[in-house]
PDB file of N, CA and C in Angstrom:
ATOM      1  N   UNK A   1      50.038-112.121  19.150  1.00  0.00           N
ATOM      2  CA  UNK A   1      50.766-111.172  19.964  1.00  0.00           C
ATOM      3  C   UNK A   1      51.679-110.353  19.062  1.00  0.00           C
ATOM      4  N   UNK A   2      51.731-109.079  19.322  1.00  0.00           N
ATOM      5  CA  UNK A   2      52.572-108.179  18.542  1.00  0.00           C
ATOM      6  C   UNK A   2      53.911-107.995  19.241  1.00  0.00           C
ATOM      7  N   UNK A   3      54.965-108.114  18.460  1.00  0.00           N
ATOM      8  CA  UNK A   3      56.313-107.944  19.001  1.00  0.00           C
ATOM      9  C   UNK A   3      56.731-106.496  18.800  1.00  0.00           C
ATOM     10  N   UNK A   4      57.134-105.804  19.863  1.00  0.00           N
ATOM     11  CA  UNK A   4      57.571-104.415  19.693  1.00  0.00           C
ATOM     12  C   UNK A   4      58.823-104.341  18.834  1.00  0.00           C
ATOM     13  N   UNK A   5      58.881-103.321  17.999  1.00  0.00           N
ATOM     14  CA  UNK A   5      60.022-103.141  17.113  1.00  0.00           C
ATOM     15  C   UNK A   5      60.878-101.982  17.585  1.00  0.00           C
ATOM     16  N   UNK A   6      62.163-102.124  17.384  1.00  0.00           N
ATOM     17  CA  UNK A   6      63.092-101.048  17.699  1.00  0.00           C
ATOM     18  C   UNK A   6      63.047-100.038  16.565  1.00  0.00           C
ATOM     19  N   UNK A   7      63.076 -98.772  16.897  1.00  0.00           N
ATOM     20  CA  UNK A   7      63.040 -97.722  15.891  1.00  0.00           C
ATOM     21  C   UNK A   7      64.380 -97.656  15.171  1.00  0.00           C
ATOM     22  N   UNK A   8      64.364 -98.048  13.903  1.00  0.00           N
ATOM     23  CA  UNK A   8      65.586 -97.995  13.104  1.00  0.00           C
ATOM     24  C   UNK A   8      65.468 -96.937  12.018  1.00  0.00           C
ATOM     25  N   UNK A   9      64.485 -96.063  12.146  1.00  0.00           N
ATOM     26  CA  UNK A   9      64.286 -94.998  11.171  1.00  0.00           C
ATOM     27  C   UNK A   9      65.448 -94.014  11.239  1.00  0.00           C
ATOM     28  N   UNK A  10      65.642 -93.232  10.169  1.00  0.00           N
ATOM     29  CA  UNK A  10      66.737 -92.276  10.176  1.00  0.00           C
ATOM     30  C   UNK A  10      66.665 -91.266  11.320  1.00  0.00           C
ATOM     31  N   UNK A  11      65.485 -91.045  11.907  1.00  0.00           N
ATOM     32  CA  UNK A  11      65.372 -90.067  12.984  1.00  0.00           C
ATOM     33  C   UNK A  11      65.883 -90.607  14.316  1.00  0.00           C
ATOM     34  N   UNK A  12      66.101 -91.925  14.430  1.00  0.00           N
ATOM     35  CA  UNK A  12      66.559 -92.501  15.696  1.00  0.00           C
ATOM     36  C   UNK A  12      67.887 -91.899  16.165  1.00  0.00           C
ATOM     37  N   UNK A  13      68.916 -91.743  15.310  1.00  0.00           N
ATOM     38  CA  UNK A  13      70.141 -91.091  15.776  1.00  0.00           C
ATOM     39  C   UNK A  13      69.896 -89.630  16.171  1.00  0.00           C
ATOM     40  N   UNK A  14      69.032 -88.937  15.449  1.00  0.00           N
ATOM     41  CA  UNK A  14      68.739 -87.543  15.779  1.00  0.00           C
ATOM     42  C   UNK A  14      68.058 -87.448  17.139  1.00  0.00           C
ATOM     43  N   UNK A  15      67.160 -88.359  17.454  1.00  0.00           N
ATOM     44  CA  UNK A  15      66.501 -88.356  18.762  1.00  0.00           C
ATOM     45  C   UNK A  15      67.502 -88.628  19.878  1.00  0.00           C
ATOM     46  N   UNK A  16      68.413 -89.542  19.639  1.00  0.00           N
ATOM     47  CA  UNK A  16      69.438 -89.850  20.644  1.00  0.00           C
ATOM     48  C   UNK A  16      70.362 -88.655  20.856  1.00  0.00           C
ATOM     49  N   UNK A  17      70.741 -87.993  19.776  1.00  0.00           N
ATOM     50  CA  UNK A  17      71.570 -86.791  19.872  1.00  0.00           C
ATOM     51  C   UNK A  17      70.814 -85.697  20.634  1.00  0.00           C
ATOM     52  N   UNK A  18      69.526 -85.536  20.341  1.00  0.00           N
ATOM     53  CA  UNK A  18      68.725 -84.510  21.020  1.00  0.00           C
ATOM     54  C   UNK A  18      68.678 -84.758  22.527  1.00  0.00           C
ATOM     55  N   UNK A  19      68.475 -85.995  22.927  1.00  0.00           N
ATOM     56  CA  UNK A  19      68.456 -86.316  24.368  1.00  0.00           C
ATOM     57  C   UNK A  19      69.813 -86.025  25.008  1.00  0.00           C
ATOM     58  N   UNK A  20      70.876 -86.329  24.296  1.00  0.00           N
ATOM     59  CA  UNK A  20      72.228 -86.079  24.802  1.00  0.00           C
ATOM     60  C   UNK A  20      72.477 -84.580  24.959  1.00  0.00           C
ATOM     61  N   UNK A  21      72.082 -83.806  23.958  1.00  0.00           N
ATOM     62  CA  UNK A  21      72.291 -82.358  23.992  1.00  0.00           C
ATOM     63  C   UNK A  21      71.507 -81.732  25.135  1.00  0.00           C
ATOM     64  N   UNK A  22      70.275 -82.146  25.315  1.00  0.00           N
ATOM     65  CA  UNK A  22      69.436 -81.562  26.360  1.00  0.00           C
ATOM     66  C   UNK A  22      69.968 -81.850  27.767  1.00  0.00           C
ATOM     67  N   UNK A  23      70.789 -82.874  27.904  1.00  0.00           N
ATOM     68  CA  UNK A  23      71.351 -83.219  29.206  1.00  0.00           C
ATOM     69  C   UNK A  23      72.608 -82.416  29.552  1.00  0.00           C
ATOM     70  N   UNK A  24      73.138 -81.667  28.608  1.00  0.00           N
ATOM     71  CA  UNK A  24      74.359 -80.893  28.838  1.00  0.00           C
ATOM     72  C   UNK A  24      74.035 -79.653  29.673  1.00  0.00           C
ATOM     73  N   UNK A  25      74.842 -79.418  30.696  1.00  0.00           N
ATOM     74  CA  UNK A  25      74.652 -78.241  31.546  1.00  0.00           C
ATOM     75  C   UNK A  25      74.831 -76.969  30.722  1.00  0.00           C
ATOM     76  N   UNK A  26      73.922 -76.027  30.885  1.00  0.00           N
ATOM     77  CA  UNK A  26      73.982 -74.765  30.166  1.00  0.00           C
ATOM     78  C   UNK A  26      73.091 -74.712  28.943  1.00  0.00           C
ATOM     79  N   UNK A  27      72.601 -75.863  28.481  1.00  0.00           N
ATOM     80  CA  UNK A  27      71.678 -75.879  27.354  1.00  0.00           C
ATOM     81  C   UNK A  27      70.283 -75.623  27.895  1.00  0.00           C
ATOM     82  N   UNK A  28      69.651 -74.545  27.434  1.00  0.00           N
ATOM     83  CA  UNK A  28      68.286 -74.247  27.860  1.00  0.00           C
ATOM     84  C   UNK A  28      67.304 -75.145  27.107  1.00  0.00           C
ATOM     85  N   UNK A  29      67.470 -75.206  25.790  1.00  0.00           N
ATOM     86  CA  UNK A  29      66.639 -76.072  24.958  1.00  0.00           C
ATOM     87  C   UNK A  29      67.189 -76.077  23.542  1.00  0.00           C
ATOM     88  N   UNK A  30      66.711 -77.012  22.740  1.00  0.00           N
ATOM     89  CA  UNK A  30      67.056 -77.052  21.324  1.00  0.00           C
ATOM     90  C   UNK A  30      66.229 -76.004  20.592  1.00  0.00           C
ATOM     91  N   UNK A  31      66.771 -75.487  19.505  1.00  0.00           N
ATOM     92  CA  UNK A  31      66.057 -74.486  18.724  1.00  0.00           C
ATOM     93  C   UNK A  31      64.723 -75.061  18.268  1.00  0.00           C
ATOM     94  N   UNK A  32      63.622 -74.356  18.535  1.00  0.00           N
ATOM     95  CA  UNK A  32      62.327 -74.880  18.098  1.00  0.00           C
ATOM     96  C   UNK A  32      62.145 -74.736  16.595  1.00  0.00           C
ATOM     97  N   UNK A  33      61.367 -75.626  16.034  1.00  0.00           N
ATOM     98  CA  UNK A  33      61.043 -75.564  14.619  1.00  0.00           C
ATOM     99  C   UNK A  33      59.861 -74.640  14.386  1.00  0.00           C
ATOM    100  N   UNK A  34      59.434 -74.504  13.154  1.00  0.00           N
ATOM    101  CA  UNK A  34      58.309 -73.623  12.843  1.00  0.00           C
ATOM    102  C   UNK A  34      57.021 -74.007  13.587  1.00  0.00           C
ATOM    103  N   UNK A  35      56.761 -75.287  13.726  1.00  0.00           N
ATOM    104  CA  UNK A  35      55.552 -75.719  14.427  1.00  0.00           C
ATOM    105  C   UNK A  35      55.607 -75.292  15.895  1.00  0.00           C
ATOM    106  N   UNK A  36      56.767 -75.415  16.514  1.00  0.00           N
ATOM    107  CA  UNK A  36      56.919 -74.999  17.902  1.00  0.00           C
ATOM    108  C   UNK A  36      56.779 -73.499  18.073  1.00  0.00           C
ATOM    109  N   UNK A  37      57.298 -72.740  17.107  1.00  0.00           N
ATOM    110  CA  UNK A  37      57.174 -71.286  17.181  1.00  0.00           C
ATOM    111  C   UNK A  37      55.729 -70.853  17.002  1.00  0.00           C
ATOM    112  N   UNK A  38      55.040 -71.460  16.041  1.00  0.00           N
ATOM    113  CA  UNK A  38      53.633 -71.119  15.840  1.00  0.00           C
ATOM    114  C   UNK A  38      52.793 -71.517  17.044  1.00  0.00           C
ATOM    115  N   UNK A  39      53.097 -72.683  17.608  1.00  0.00           N
ATOM    116  CA  UNK A  39      52.347 -73.138  18.768  1.00  0.00           C
ATOM    117  C   UNK A  39      52.501 -72.159  19.918  1.00  0.00           C
ATOM    118  N   UNK A  40      53.732 -71.669  20.143  1.00  0.00           N
ATOM    119  CA  UNK A  40      53.934 -70.724  21.246  1.00  0.00           C
ATOM    120  C   UNK A  40      53.303 -69.375  20.922  1.00  0.00           C
ATOM    121  N   UNK A  41      53.291 -68.976  19.659  1.00  0.00           N
ATOM    122  CA  UNK A  41      52.674 -67.708  19.282  1.00  0.00           C
ATOM    123  C   UNK A  41      51.160 -67.763  19.438  1.00  0.00           C
ATOM    124  N   UNK A  42      50.589 -68.923  19.203  1.00  0.00           N
ATOM    125  CA  UNK A  42      49.142 -69.075  19.328  1.00  0.00           C
ATOM    126  C   UNK A  42      48.720 -69.434  20.742  1.00  0.00           C
ATOM    127  N   UNK A  43      49.688 -69.638  21.626  1.00  0.00           N
ATOM    128  CA  UNK A  43      49.444 -69.978  23.037  1.00  0.00           C
ATOM    129  C   UNK A  43      48.624 -71.246  23.221  1.00  0.00           C
ATOM    130  N   UNK A  44      48.817 -72.196  22.341  1.00  0.00           N
ATOM    131  CA  UNK A  44      48.137 -73.483  22.473  1.00  0.00           C
ATOM    132  C   UNK A  44      49.167 -74.531  22.837  1.00  0.00           C
ATOM    133  N   UNK A  45      49.008 -75.200  23.950  1.00  0.00           N
ATOM    134  CA  UNK A  45      49.958 -76.253  24.310  1.00  0.00           C
ATOM    135  C   UNK A  45      49.833 -77.438  23.358  1.00  0.00           C
ATOM    136  N   UNK A  46      50.918 -78.168  23.238  1.00  0.00           N
ATOM    137  CA  UNK A  46      50.912 -79.376  22.419  1.00  0.00           C
ATOM    138  C   UNK A  46      50.008 -80.410  23.069  1.00  0.00           C
ATOM    139  N   UNK A  47      49.372 -81.260  22.264  1.00  0.00           N
ATOM    140  CA  UNK A  47      48.574 -82.327  22.864  1.00  0.00           C
ATOM    141  C   UNK A  47      49.440 -83.168  23.799  1.00  0.00           C
ATOM    142  N   UNK A  48      48.865 -83.687  24.891  1.00  0.00           N
ATOM    143  CA  UNK A  48      49.670 -84.383  25.895  1.00  0.00           C
ATOM    144  C   UNK A  48      50.342 -85.664  25.410  1.00  0.00           C
ATOM    145  N   UNK A  49      49.847 -86.257  24.354  1.00  0.00           N
ATOM    146  CA  UNK A  49      50.400 -87.532  23.895  1.00  0.00           C
ATOM    147  C   UNK A  49      51.508 -87.375  22.857  1.00  0.00           C
ATOM    148  N   UNK A  50      51.858 -86.145  22.488  1.00  0.00           N
ATOM    149  CA  UNK A  50      52.891 -85.957  21.472  1.00  0.00           C
ATOM    150  C   UNK A  50      54.247 -85.721  22.123  1.00  0.00           C
ATOM    151  N   UNK A  51      55.270 -86.219  21.466  1.00  0.00           N
ATOM    152  CA  UNK A  51      56.650 -86.014  21.934  1.00  0.00           C
ATOM    153  C   UNK A  51      57.097 -84.614  21.535  1.00  0.00           C
ATOM    154  N   UNK A  52      58.044 -84.027  22.261  1.00  0.00           N
ATOM    155  CA  UNK A  52      58.529 -82.704  21.878  1.00  0.00           C
ATOM    156  C   UNK A  52      59.171 -82.737  20.499  1.00  0.00           C
ATOM    157  N   UNK A  53      58.998 -81.655  19.748  1.00  0.00           N
ATOM    158  CA  UNK A  53      59.560 -81.566  18.399  1.00  0.00           C
ATOM    159  C   UNK A  53      61.020 -81.144  18.496  1.00  0.00           C
ATOM    160  N   UNK A  54      61.902 -82.044  18.130  1.00  0.00           N
ATOM    161  CA  UNK A  54      63.335 -81.748  18.169  1.00  0.00           C
ATOM    162  C   UNK A  54      63.914 -81.657  16.767  1.00  0.00           C
ATOM    163  N   UNK A  55      63.053 -81.776  15.761  1.00  0.00           N
ATOM    164  CA  UNK A  55      63.539 -81.902  14.397  1.00  0.00           C
ATOM    165  C   UNK A  55      64.352 -80.707  13.927  1.00  0.00           C
ATOM    166  N   UNK A  56      64.028 -79.507  14.380  1.00  0.00           N
ATOM    167  CA  UNK A  56      64.780 -78.343  13.922  1.00  0.00           C
ATOM    168  C   UNK A  56      66.090 -78.181  14.678  1.00  0.00           C
ATOM    169  N   UNK A  57      66.175 -78.703  15.889  1.00  0.00           N
ATOM    170  CA  UNK A  57      67.365 -78.524  16.706  1.00  0.00           C
ATOM    171  C   UNK A  57      68.494 -79.474  16.381  1.00  0.00           C
ATOM    172  N   UNK A  58      68.189 -80.593  15.747  1.00  0.00           N
ATOM    173  CA  UNK A  58      69.214 -81.585  15.403  1.00  0.00           C
ATOM    174  C   UNK A  58      68.963 -82.070  13.982  1.00  0.00           C
ATOM    175  N   UNK A  59      70.031 -82.098  13.209  1.00  0.00           N
ATOM    176  CA  UNK A  59      69.933 -82.658  11.860  1.00  0.00           C
ATOM    177  C   UNK A  59      71.117 -83.581  11.634  1.00  0.00           C
ATOM    178  N   UNK A  60      70.822 -84.790  11.188  1.00  0.00           N
ATOM    179  CA  UNK A  60      71.852 -85.783  10.879  1.00  0.00           C
ATOM    180  C   UNK A  60      71.783 -86.047   9.388  1.00  0.00           C
ATOM    181  N   UNK A  61      72.884 -85.793   8.689  1.00  0.00           N
ATOM    182  CA  UNK A  61      72.944 -86.042   7.251  1.00  0.00           C
ATOM    183  C   UNK A  61      74.142 -86.922   6.936  1.00  0.00           C
ATOM    184  N   UNK A  62      74.189 -87.399   5.730  1.00  0.00           N
ATOM    185  CA  UNK A  62      75.348 -88.188   5.322  1.00  0.00           C
ATOM    186  C   UNK A  62      74.923 -89.567   4.913  1.00  0.00           C
ATOM    187  N   UNK A  63      75.773 -90.454   4.844  1.00  0.00           N
ATOM    188  CA  UNK A  63      77.232 -90.314   4.892  1.00  0.00           C
ATOM    189  C   UNK A  63      77.783 -89.684   3.615  1.00  0.00           C
ATOM    190  N   UNK A  64      78.914 -89.003   3.757  1.00  0.00           N
ATOM    191  CA  UNK A  64      79.560 -88.379   2.602  1.00  0.00           C
ATOM    192  C   UNK A  64      80.433 -89.410   1.886  1.00  0.00           C
ATOM    193  N   UNK A  65      81.292 -88.954   0.992  1.00  0.00           N
ATOM    194  CA  UNK A  65      82.140 -89.871   0.219  1.00  0.00           C
ATOM    195  C   UNK A  65      83.060 -90.701   1.104  1.00  0.00           C
ATOM    196  N   UNK A  66      83.468 -90.152   2.236  1.00  0.00           N
ATOM    197  CA  UNK A  66      84.354 -90.873   3.147  1.00  0.00           C
ATOM    198  C   UNK A  66      83.597 -91.732   4.158  1.00  0.00           C
ATOM    199  N   UNK A  67      82.266 -91.774   4.055  1.00  0.00           N
ATOM    200  CA  UNK A  67      81.475 -92.575   4.976  1.00  0.00           C
ATOM    201  C   UNK A  67      81.125 -91.860   6.270  1.00  0.00           C
ATOM    202  N   UNK A  68      81.492 -90.579   6.382  1.00  0.00           N
ATOM    203  CA  UNK A  68      81.215 -89.810   7.599  1.00  0.00           C
ATOM    204  C   UNK A  68      79.859 -89.124   7.513  1.00  0.00           C
ATOM    205  N   UNK A  69      79.177 -89.097   8.625  1.00  0.00           N
ATOM    206  CA  UNK A  69      77.928 -88.351   8.729  1.00  0.00           C
ATOM    207  C   UNK A  69      78.231 -86.941   9.214  1.00  0.00           C
ATOM    208  N   UNK A  70      77.257 -86.050   9.026  1.00  0.00           N
ATOM    209  CA  UNK A  70      77.365 -84.693   9.544  1.00  0.00           C
ATOM    210  C   UNK A  70      76.214 -84.486  10.519  1.00  0.00           C
ATOM    211  N   UNK A  71      76.533 -84.106  11.739  1.00  0.00           N
ATOM    212  CA  UNK A  71      75.531 -83.873  12.770  1.00  0.00           C
ATOM    213  C   UNK A  71      75.558 -82.392  13.112  1.00  0.00           C
ATOM    214  N   UNK A  72      74.424 -81.718  12.882  1.00  0.00           N
ATOM    215  CA  UNK A  72      74.283 -80.301  13.208  1.00  0.00           C
ATOM    216  C   UNK A  72      73.352 -80.164  14.400  1.00  0.00           C
ATOM    217  N   UNK A  73      73.737 -79.368  15.373  1.00  0.00           N
ATOM    218  CA  UNK A  73      72.865 -79.081  16.506  1.00  0.00           C
ATOM    219  C   UNK A  73      72.729 -77.573  16.646  1.00  0.00           C
ATOM    220  N   UNK A  74      71.513 -77.138  16.954  1.00  0.00           N
ATOM    221  CA  UNK A  74      71.207 -75.729  17.161  1.00  0.00           C
ATOM    222  C   UNK A  74      70.605 -75.604  18.551  1.00  0.00           C
ATOM    223  N   UNK A  75      71.310 -74.896  19.428  1.00  0.00           N
ATOM    224  CA  UNK A  75      70.879 -74.811  20.825  1.00  0.00           C
ATOM    225  C   UNK A  75      70.691 -73.365  21.268  1.00  0.00           C
ATOM    226  N   UNK A  76      69.851 -73.217  22.274  1.00  0.00           N
ATOM    227  CA  UNK A  76      69.707 -71.952  22.990  1.00  0.00           C
ATOM    228  C   UNK A  76      70.304 -72.199  24.366  1.00  0.00           C
ATOM    229  N   UNK A  77      71.200 -71.306  24.794  1.00  0.00           N
ATOM    230  CA  UNK A  77      71.922 -71.531  26.045  1.00  0.00           C
ATOM    231  C   UNK A  77      71.419 -70.608  27.153  1.00  0.00           C
ATOM    232  N   UNK A  78      71.705 -71.022  28.363  1.00  0.00           N
ATOM    233  CA  UNK A  78      71.406 -70.223  29.542  1.00  0.00           C
ATOM    234  C   UNK A  78      72.338 -69.019  29.544  1.00  0.00           C
ATOM    235  N   UNK A  79      71.810 -67.836  29.754  1.00  0.00           N
ATOM    236  CA  UNK A  79      72.632 -66.617  29.680  1.00  0.00           C
ATOM    237  C   UNK A  79      73.676 -66.516  30.791  1.00  0.00           C
ATOM    238  N   UNK A  80      73.541 -67.326  31.832  1.00  0.00           N
ATOM    239  CA  UNK A  80      74.521 -67.304  32.922  1.00  0.00           C
ATOM    240  C   UNK A  80      75.766 -68.122  32.595  1.00  0.00           C
ATOM    241  N   UNK A  81      75.786 -68.754  31.440  1.00  0.00           N
ATOM    242  CA  UNK A  81      76.931 -69.569  31.032  1.00  0.00           C
ATOM    243  C   UNK A  81      77.609 -68.932  29.830  1.00  0.00           C
ATOM    244  N   UNK A  82      78.851 -69.318  29.621  1.00  0.00           N
ATOM    245  CA  UNK A  82      79.550 -68.864  28.418  1.00  0.00           C
ATOM    246  C   UNK A  82      79.149 -69.756  27.264  1.00  0.00           C
ATOM    247  N   UNK A  83      78.698 -69.154  26.187  1.00  0.00           N
ATOM    248  CA  UNK A  83      78.209 -69.913  25.039  1.00  0.00           C
ATOM    249  C   UNK A  83      79.278 -70.838  24.473  1.00  0.00           C
ATOM    250  N   UNK A  84      80.520 -70.382  24.431  1.00  0.00           N
ATOM    251  CA  UNK A  84      81.590 -71.204  23.871  1.00  0.00           C
ATOM    252  C   UNK A  84      81.818 -72.457  24.717  1.00  0.00           C
ATOM    253  N   UNK A  85      81.720 -72.325  26.040  1.00  0.00           N
ATOM    254  CA  UNK A  85      81.897 -73.490  26.906  1.00  0.00           C
ATOM    255  C   UNK A  85      80.773 -74.502  26.719  1.00  0.00           C
ATOM    256  N   UNK A  86      79.561 -74.000  26.576  1.00  0.00           N
ATOM    257  CA  UNK A  86      78.416 -74.895  26.358  1.00  0.00           C
ATOM    258  C   UNK A  86      78.544 -75.583  25.000  1.00  0.00           C
ATOM    259  N   UNK A  87      78.925 -74.834  23.975  1.00  0.00           N
ATOM    260  CA  UNK A  87      79.086 -75.419  22.636  1.00  0.00           C
ATOM    261  C   UNK A  87      80.150 -76.518  22.647  1.00  0.00           C
ATOM    262  N   UNK A  88      81.250 -76.283  23.335  1.00  0.00           N
ATOM    263  CA  UNK A  88      82.296 -77.311  23.431  1.00  0.00           C
ATOM    264  C   UNK A  88      81.800 -78.540  24.187  1.00  0.00           C
ATOM    265  N   UNK A  89      81.030 -78.314  25.254  1.00  0.00           N
ATOM    266  CA  UNK A  89      80.493 -79.440  26.027  1.00  0.00           C
ATOM    267  C   UNK A  89      79.492 -80.242  25.206  1.00  0.00           C
ATOM    268  N   UNK A  90      78.673 -79.562  24.415  1.00  0.00           N
ATOM    269  CA  UNK A  90      77.713 -80.249  23.540  1.00  0.00           C
ATOM    270  C   UNK A  90      78.461 -81.084  22.518  1.00  0.00           C
ATOM    271  N   UNK A  91      79.469 -80.494  21.906  1.00  0.00           N
ATOM    272  CA  UNK A  91      80.247 -81.214  20.885  1.00  0.00           C
ATOM    273  C   UNK A  91      80.897 -82.469  21.477  1.00  0.00           C
ATOM    274  N   UNK A  92      81.475 -82.338  22.659  1.00  0.00           N
ATOM    275  CA  UNK A  92      82.113 -83.494  23.303  1.00  0.00           C
ATOM    276  C   UNK A  92      81.092 -84.559  23.677  1.00  0.00           C
ATOM    277  N   UNK A  93      79.957 -84.144  24.224  1.00  0.00           N
ATOM    278  CA  UNK A  93      78.929 -85.102  24.644  1.00  0.00           C
ATOM    279  C   UNK A  93      78.352 -85.854  23.450  1.00  0.00           C
ATOM    280  N   UNK A  94      78.082 -85.142  22.372  1.00  0.00           N
ATOM    281  CA  UNK A  94      77.531 -85.786  21.171  1.00  0.00           C
ATOM    282  C   UNK A  94      78.563 -86.727  20.564  1.00  0.00           C
ATOM    283  N   UNK A  95      79.797 -86.296  20.471  1.00  0.00           N
ATOM    284  CA  UNK A  95      80.853 -87.163  19.931  1.00  0.00           C
ATOM    285  C   UNK A  95      81.022 -88.436  20.734  1.00  0.00           C
ATOM    286  N   UNK A  96      81.039 -88.313  22.062  1.00  0.00           N
ATOM    287  CA  UNK A  96      81.172 -89.497  22.917  1.00  0.00           C
ATOM    288  C   UNK A  96      79.973 -90.421  22.794  1.00  0.00           C
ATOM    289  N   UNK A  97      78.779 -89.845  22.743  1.00  0.00           N
ATOM    290  CA  UNK A  97      77.566 -90.672  22.657  1.00  0.00           C
ATOM    291  C   UNK A  97      77.507 -91.433  21.333  1.00  0.00           C
ATOM    292  N   UNK A  98      77.819 -90.765  20.249  1.00  0.00           N
ATOM    293  CA  UNK A  98      77.784 -91.436  18.948  1.00  0.00           C
ATOM    294  C   UNK A  98      78.883 -92.481  18.826  1.00  0.00           C
ATOM    295  N   UNK A  99      80.044 -92.227  19.424  1.00  0.00           N
ATOM    296  CA  UNK A  99      81.120 -93.223  19.409  1.00  0.00           C
ATOM    297  C   UNK A  99      80.700 -94.469  20.183  1.00  0.00           C
ATOM    298  N   UNK A 100      79.942 -94.273  21.262  1.00  0.00           N
ATOM    299  CA  UNK A 100      79.471 -95.421  22.040  1.00  0.00           C
ATOM    300  C   UNK A 100      78.356 -96.175  21.311  1.00  0.00           C
ATOM    301  N   UNK A 101      77.491 -95.440  20.625  1.00  0.00           N
ATOM    302  CA  UNK A 101      76.376 -96.074  19.919  1.00  0.00           C
ATOM    303  C   UNK A 101      76.804 -96.767  18.625  1.00  0.00           C
ATOM    304  N   UNK A 102      77.707 -96.125  17.906  1.00  0.00           N
ATOM    305  CA  UNK A 102      78.109 -96.618  16.583  1.00  0.00           C
ATOM    306  C   UNK A 102      79.626 -96.736  16.490  1.00  0.00           C
ATOM    307  N   UNK A 103      80.225 -97.659  17.248  1.00  0.00           N
ATOM    308  CA  UNK A 103      81.700 -97.732  17.265  1.00  0.00           C
ATOM    309  C   UNK A 103      82.314 -98.161  15.936  1.00  0.00           C
ATOM    310  N   UNK A 104      81.551 -98.843  15.094  1.00  0.00           N
ATOM    311  CA  UNK A 104      82.111 -99.342  13.831  1.00  0.00           C
ATOM    312  C   UNK A 104      82.117 -98.280  12.738  1.00  0.00           C
ATOM    313  N   UNK A 105      81.432 -97.168  12.953  1.00  0.00           N
ATOM    314  CA  UNK A 105      81.362 -96.119  11.940  1.00  0.00           C
ATOM    315  C   UNK A 105      82.422 -95.054  12.177  1.00  0.00           C
ATOM    316  N   UNK A 106      82.847 -94.360  11.096  1.00  0.00           N
ATOM    317  CA  UNK A 106      83.805 -93.261  11.279  1.00  0.00           C
ATOM    318  C   UNK A 106      83.177 -92.138  12.104  1.00  0.00           C
ATOM    319  N   UNK A 107      84.007 -91.397  12.811  1.00  0.00           N
ATOM    320  CA  UNK A 107      83.512 -90.292  13.640  1.00  0.00           C
ATOM    321  C   UNK A 107      82.808 -89.267  12.751  1.00  0.00           C
ATOM    322  N   UNK A 108      81.634 -88.800  13.163  1.00  0.00           N
ATOM    323  CA  UNK A 108      80.911 -87.820  12.347  1.00  0.00           C
ATOM    324  C   UNK A 108      81.531 -86.427  12.466  1.00  0.00           C
ATOM    325  N   UNK A 109      81.223 -85.600  11.498  1.00  0.00           N
ATOM    326  CA  UNK A 109      81.599 -84.191  11.569  1.00  0.00           C
ATOM    327  C   UNK A 109      80.516 -83.500  12.397  1.00  0.00           C
ATOM    328  N   UNK A 110      80.898 -82.804  13.457  1.00  0.00           N
ATOM    329  CA  UNK A 110      79.947 -82.204  14.386  1.00  0.00           C
ATOM    330  C   UNK A 110      79.964 -80.681  14.267  1.00  0.00           C
ATOM    331  N   UNK A 111      78.772 -80.098  14.188  1.00  0.00           N
ATOM    332  CA  UNK A 111      78.627 -78.650  14.160  1.00  0.00           C
ATOM    333  C   UNK A 111      77.649 -78.249  15.246  1.00  0.00           C
ATOM    334  N   UNK A 112      78.050 -77.318  16.101  1.00  0.00           N
ATOM    335  CA  UNK A 112      77.178 -76.808  17.160  1.00  0.00           C
ATOM    336  C   UNK A 112      76.990 -75.314  16.916  1.00  0.00           C
ATOM    337  N   UNK A 113      75.737 -74.901  16.816  1.00  0.00           N
ATOM    338  CA  UNK A 113      75.413 -73.491  16.609  1.00  0.00           C
ATOM    339  C   UNK A 113      74.588 -73.003  17.785  1.00  0.00           C
ATOM    340  N   UNK A 114      75.036 -71.934  18.412  1.00  0.00           N
ATOM    341  CA  UNK A 114      74.262 -71.310  19.475  1.00  0.00           C
ATOM    342  C   UNK A 114      73.373 -70.262  18.812  1.00  0.00           C
ATOM    343  N   UNK A 115      72.055 -70.478  18.886  1.00  0.00           N
ATOM    344  CA  UNK A 115      71.115 -69.600  18.194  1.00  0.00           C
ATOM    345  C   UNK A 115      70.498 -68.540  19.102  1.00  0.00           C
ATOM    346  N   UNK A 116      70.755 -68.642  20.395  1.00  0.00           N
ATOM    347  CA  UNK A 116      70.204 -67.636  21.291  1.00  0.00           C
ATOM    348  C   UNK A 116      70.600 -67.890  22.730  1.00  0.00           C
ATOM    349  N   UNK A 117      70.231 -66.913  23.580  1.00  0.00           N
ATOM    350  CA  UNK A 117      70.495 -67.017  25.018  1.00  0.00           C
ATOM    351  C   UNK A 117      69.232 -66.598  25.744  1.00  0.00           C
ATOM    352  N   UNK A 118      68.922 -67.304  26.810  1.00  0.00           N
ATOM    353  CA  UNK A 118      67.751 -66.936  27.631  1.00  0.00           C
ATOM    354  C   UNK A 118      68.141 -66.865  29.080  1.00  0.00           C
TER     355      UNK A 118
END
């Protein structure tokens, strides 16, 4: 019998951050990566068994000399919302989620970039 393993790869925090960001009101979607842009330009849907590509919308780097990580998020917001309000809500949601997931680590440096409006 095979025992399922928990994903402890470096992308696990980025996936958790991506899910948190997508749940924030006013976020239309995370910035697509090159594969997502090419896929939409070629009008070919992603295969049904693949997870959405969030790699370009969230980047987790670090830790730096002080042990802090840097979390960058790139979002596209709904045009009916104020971008600054959405960016602040994303920053707060990500900070709270990471504090709950990793309470023993120093608070990460958070950067939210609004790359567009739809």
